Amino acid sequence: NVKVLATTTFSDKSANWIGGNVIPVAWKKLYGKGRVFYSSLGHVAADFSVPQALEIQKRGILWACMSKYEPADEWKQPVYGKYK
């Protein structure tokens, strides 16, 4: 019951064995009575200065915690560079 939300395609420049492969980078699934959201986006805090990457994280967290009551636009923006 995994639903892939976002993918990326690697080039041969990354590694010759992975070139051209489509890899999931964000997915969600139901697990028992819970919900699981995974994203490999955001290796460094600056990655979330890209609005789309931040939005994927926000929506994934809201979905995983089943929040229908806290709109994503109400969230406070994270402070970047605090933790290095």
N, C-alpha and C. Protein backbone atom coordinates (compact mmCIF):
# COMPACT_ATOMS: atom_id res chain seq x y z
N ASN A 1 0.81 -1.20 0.00
CA ASN A 1 0.00 0.00 0.00
C ASN A 1 0.85 1.27 0.00
N VAL A 2 2.04 1.19 -0.57
CA VAL A 2 2.92 2.36 -0.66
C VAL A 2 2.48 3.23 -1.83
N LYS A 3 2.37 4.53 -1.59
CA LYS A 3 2.08 5.48 -2.66
C LYS A 3 3.29 6.40 -2.81
N VAL A 4 3.95 6.34 -3.95
CA VAL A 4 5.10 7.20 -4.22
C VAL A 4 4.60 8.60 -4.53
N LEU A 5 5.17 9.59 -3.84
CA LEU A 5 4.76 10.99 -4.00
C LEU A 5 5.71 11.79 -4.87
N ALA A 6 6.99 11.40 -4.90
CA ALA A 6 7.99 12.12 -5.70
C ALA A 6 9.12 11.16 -6.05
N THR A 7 9.71 11.35 -7.23
CA THR A 7 10.82 10.52 -7.68
C THR A 7 11.93 11.41 -8.23
N THR A 8 13.08 10.80 -8.41
CA THR A 8 14.18 11.45 -9.11
C THR A 8 14.82 10.42 -10.03
N THR A 9 15.47 10.90 -11.07
CA THR A 9 16.20 10.02 -11.98
C THR A 9 17.67 10.39 -11.90
N PHE A 10 18.49 9.43 -11.55
CA PHE A 10 19.93 9.66 -11.42
C PHE A 10 20.61 9.60 -12.78
N SER A 11 21.70 10.33 -12.89
CA SER A 11 22.50 10.29 -14.10
C SER A 11 23.68 9.34 -13.89
N ASP A 12 24.35 9.01 -14.97
CA ASP A 12 25.54 8.17 -14.87
C ASP A 12 26.66 8.87 -14.11
N LYS A 13 26.58 10.19 -13.97
CA LYS A 13 27.63 10.93 -13.27
C LYS A 13 27.66 10.58 -11.79
N SER A 14 26.50 10.24 -11.21
CA SER A 14 26.44 9.86 -9.80
C SER A 14 27.17 8.55 -9.58
N ALA A 15 26.82 7.57 -10.36
CA ALA A 15 27.45 6.24 -10.33
C ALA A 15 26.95 5.50 -11.56
N ASN A 16 27.84 4.80 -12.25
CA ASN A 16 27.45 4.19 -13.52
C ASN A 16 26.35 3.14 -13.37
N TRP A 17 26.23 2.50 -12.22
CA TRP A 17 25.22 1.47 -12.03
C TRP A 17 23.82 2.04 -11.78
N ILE A 18 23.73 3.32 -11.44
CA ILE A 18 22.43 3.90 -11.09
C ILE A 18 21.86 4.77 -12.21
N GLY A 19 22.67 5.06 -13.23
CA GLY A 19 22.25 5.95 -14.30
C GLY A 19 20.94 5.55 -14.96
N GLY A 20 20.02 6.50 -15.05
CA GLY A 20 18.74 6.27 -15.70
C GLY A 20 17.67 5.65 -14.82
N ASN A 21 18.04 5.22 -13.62
CA ASN A 21 17.05 4.61 -12.72
C ASN A 21 16.19 5.67 -12.04
N VAL A 22 14.91 5.39 -11.97
CA VAL A 22 13.97 6.27 -11.27
C VAL A 22 13.85 5.77 -9.84
N ILE A 23 14.13 6.65 -8.88
CA ILE A 23 14.17 6.29 -7.46
C ILE A 23 13.14 7.12 -6.70
N PRO A 24 12.32 6.48 -5.85
CA PRO A 24 11.39 7.26 -5.02
C PRO A 24 12.17 8.10 -4.00
N VAL A 25 11.75 9.34 -3.81
CA VAL A 25 12.37 10.19 -2.79
C VAL A 25 11.37 10.61 -1.72
N ALA A 26 10.08 10.37 -1.96
CA ALA A 26 9.05 10.63 -0.95
C ALA A 26 7.91 9.65 -1.18
N TRP A 27 7.47 9.03 -0.09
CA TRP A 27 6.36 8.09 -0.19
C TRP A 27 5.58 8.06 1.11
N LYS A 28 4.37 7.49 1.04
CA LYS A 28 3.54 7.34 2.23
C LYS A 28 2.88 5.97 2.20
N LYS A 29 2.50 5.48 3.38
CA LYS A 29 1.80 4.21 3.47
C LYS A 29 1.08 4.12 4.80
N LEU A 30 0.10 3.24 4.85
CA LEU A 30 -0.58 2.92 6.09
C LEU A 30 0.14 1.73 6.71
N TYR A 31 0.28 1.73 8.04
CA TYR A 31 0.94 0.63 8.74
C TYR A 31 0.13 0.34 10.00
N GLY A 32 -0.56 -0.77 10.00
CA GLY A 32 -1.46 -1.06 11.12
C GLY A 32 -2.50 0.04 11.23
N LYS A 33 -2.60 0.66 12.41
CA LYS A 33 -3.53 1.77 12.60
C LYS A 33 -2.83 3.12 12.41
N GLY A 34 -1.56 3.08 12.00
CA GLY A 34 -0.79 4.31 11.86
C GLY A 34 -0.51 4.67 10.41
N ARG A 35 0.21 5.76 10.27
CA ARG A 35 0.60 6.27 8.95
C ARG A 35 2.10 6.50 8.94
N VAL A 36 2.72 6.22 7.80
CA VAL A 36 4.17 6.42 7.64
C VAL A 36 4.39 7.36 6.47
N PHE A 37 5.22 8.38 6.68
CA PHE A 37 5.65 9.28 5.61
C PHE A 37 7.17 9.26 5.60
N TYR A 38 7.76 9.13 4.42
CA TYR A 38 9.21 9.13 4.28
C TYR A 38 9.61 10.11 3.19
N SER A 39 10.68 10.84 3.44
CA SER A 39 11.26 11.72 2.43
C SER A 39 12.76 11.74 2.60
N SER A 40 13.48 11.58 1.51
CA SER A 40 14.94 11.69 1.56
C SER A 40 15.40 13.10 1.21
N LEU A 41 14.45 14.02 1.03
CA LEU A 41 14.80 15.41 0.76
C LEU A 41 15.34 16.05 2.03
N GLY A 42 16.21 17.03 1.87
CA GLY A 42 16.67 17.79 3.02
C GLY A 42 17.90 17.24 3.70
N HIS A 43 18.93 16.98 2.93
CA HIS A 43 20.18 16.52 3.53
C HIS A 43 20.83 17.62 4.37
N VAL A 44 20.58 18.86 4.00
CA VAL A 44 21.06 20.01 4.78
C VAL A 44 19.89 20.98 4.93
N ALA A 45 19.91 21.78 5.99
CA ALA A 45 18.80 22.69 6.28
C ALA A 45 18.50 23.63 5.12
N ALA A 46 19.52 24.05 4.39
CA ALA A 46 19.31 24.98 3.27
C ALA A 46 18.43 24.39 2.18
N ASP A 47 18.34 23.05 2.11
CA ASP A 47 17.46 22.42 1.12
C ASP A 47 16.01 22.87 1.29
N PHE A 48 15.64 23.23 2.50
CA PHE A 48 14.26 23.63 2.76
C PHE A 48 14.01 25.10 2.48
N SER A 49 15.01 25.78 1.94
CA SER A 49 14.76 27.14 1.44
C SER A 49 14.05 27.06 0.09
N VAL A 50 13.99 25.87 -0.48
CA VAL A 50 13.21 25.62 -1.69
C VAL A 50 11.76 25.39 -1.23
N PRO A 51 10.85 26.29 -1.58
CA PRO A 51 9.48 26.20 -1.05
C PRO A 51 8.80 24.85 -1.31
N GLN A 52 9.06 24.24 -2.45
CA GLN A 52 8.42 22.97 -2.77
C GLN A 52 8.91 21.85 -1.84
N ALA A 53 10.19 21.85 -1.52
CA ALA A 53 10.73 20.84 -0.61
C ALA A 53 10.14 21.00 0.79
N LEU A 54 10.03 22.23 1.25
CA LEU A 54 9.44 22.50 2.56
C LEU A 54 7.96 22.10 2.57
N GLU A 55 7.26 22.37 1.49
CA GLU A 55 5.84 22.03 1.41
C GLU A 55 5.62 20.52 1.44
N ILE A 56 6.47 19.75 0.76
CA ILE A 56 6.36 18.29 0.80
C ILE A 56 6.51 17.81 2.24
N GLN A 57 7.50 18.34 2.96
CA GLN A 57 7.72 17.93 4.36
C GLN A 57 6.51 18.29 5.22
N LYS A 58 6.03 19.51 5.10
CA LYS A 58 4.88 19.95 5.91
C LYS A 58 3.66 19.06 5.67
N ARG A 59 3.34 18.85 4.40
CA ARG A 59 2.15 18.05 4.08
C ARG A 59 2.32 16.60 4.53
N GLY A 60 3.53 16.08 4.38
CA GLY A 60 3.79 14.70 4.82
C GLY A 60 3.62 14.54 6.32
N ILE A 61 4.13 15.50 7.07
CA ILE A 61 4.00 15.45 8.53
C ILE A 61 2.54 15.59 8.94
N LEU A 62 1.83 16.52 8.32
CA LEU A 62 0.41 16.69 8.63
C LEU A 62 -0.38 15.41 8.32
N TRP A 63 -0.08 14.79 7.19
CA TRP A 63 -0.77 13.55 6.83
C TRP A 63 -0.45 12.46 7.84
N ALA A 64 0.84 12.31 8.20
CA ALA A 64 1.25 11.25 9.11
C ALA A 64 0.62 11.40 10.49
N CYS A 65 0.47 12.62 10.95
CA CYS A 65 -0.14 12.82 12.27
C CYS A 65 -1.65 12.98 12.17
N MET A 66 -2.18 12.79 10.98
CA MET A 66 -3.62 12.81 10.71
C MET A 66 -4.26 14.14 11.10
N SER A 67 -3.52 15.22 11.00
CA SER A 67 -4.05 16.52 11.39
C SER A 67 -4.90 17.11 10.28
N LYS A 68 -6.16 17.27 10.58
CA LYS A 68 -7.07 17.95 9.67
C LYS A 68 -7.39 19.33 10.22
N TYR A 69 -6.78 19.65 11.35
CA TYR A 69 -7.17 20.85 12.07
C TYR A 69 -6.12 21.95 12.05
N GLU A 70 -4.89 21.61 11.71
CA GLU A 70 -3.79 22.57 11.71
C GLU A 70 -3.37 22.82 10.27
N PRO A 71 -3.84 23.89 9.63
CA PRO A 71 -3.46 24.15 8.25
C PRO A 71 -1.95 24.41 8.12
N ALA A 72 -1.36 23.92 7.03
CA ALA A 72 0.08 24.05 6.83
C ALA A 72 0.55 25.49 6.84
N ASP A 73 -0.28 26.43 6.37
CA ASP A 73 0.15 27.83 6.33
C ASP A 73 0.22 28.45 7.73
N GLU A 74 -0.30 27.77 8.74
CA GLU A 74 -0.21 28.27 10.11
C GLU A 74 1.14 27.93 10.76
N TRP A 75 1.88 27.05 10.14
CA TRP A 75 3.15 26.61 10.73
C TRP A 75 4.15 27.75 10.73
N LYS A 76 4.95 27.80 11.75
CA LYS A 76 6.03 28.79 11.79
C LYS A 76 7.18 28.28 10.92
N GLN A 77 7.88 29.20 10.30
CA GLN A 77 9.02 28.84 9.47
C GLN A 77 10.19 28.42 10.36
N PRO A 78 10.92 27.37 10.00
CA PRO A 78 12.07 26.95 10.80
C PRO A 78 13.19 27.98 10.75
N VAL A 79 14.02 27.97 11.78
CA VAL A 79 15.18 28.85 11.83
C VAL A 79 16.36 28.07 11.26
N TYR A 80 16.93 28.58 10.17
CA TYR A 80 18.04 27.89 9.52
C TYR A 80 19.36 28.32 10.13
N GLY A 81 20.31 27.40 10.15
CA GLY A 81 21.66 27.72 10.59
C GLY A 81 21.85 27.66 12.09
N LYS A 82 20.79 27.40 12.85
CA LYS A 82 20.90 27.34 14.30
C LYS A 82 21.70 26.12 14.72
N TYR A 83 21.46 24.99 14.04
CA TYR A 83 22.14 23.75 14.38
C TYR A 83 23.12 23.41 13.27
N LYS A 84 24.37 23.40 13.58
CA LYS A 84 25.39 23.06 12.57
C LYS A 84 26.20 21.89 13.03
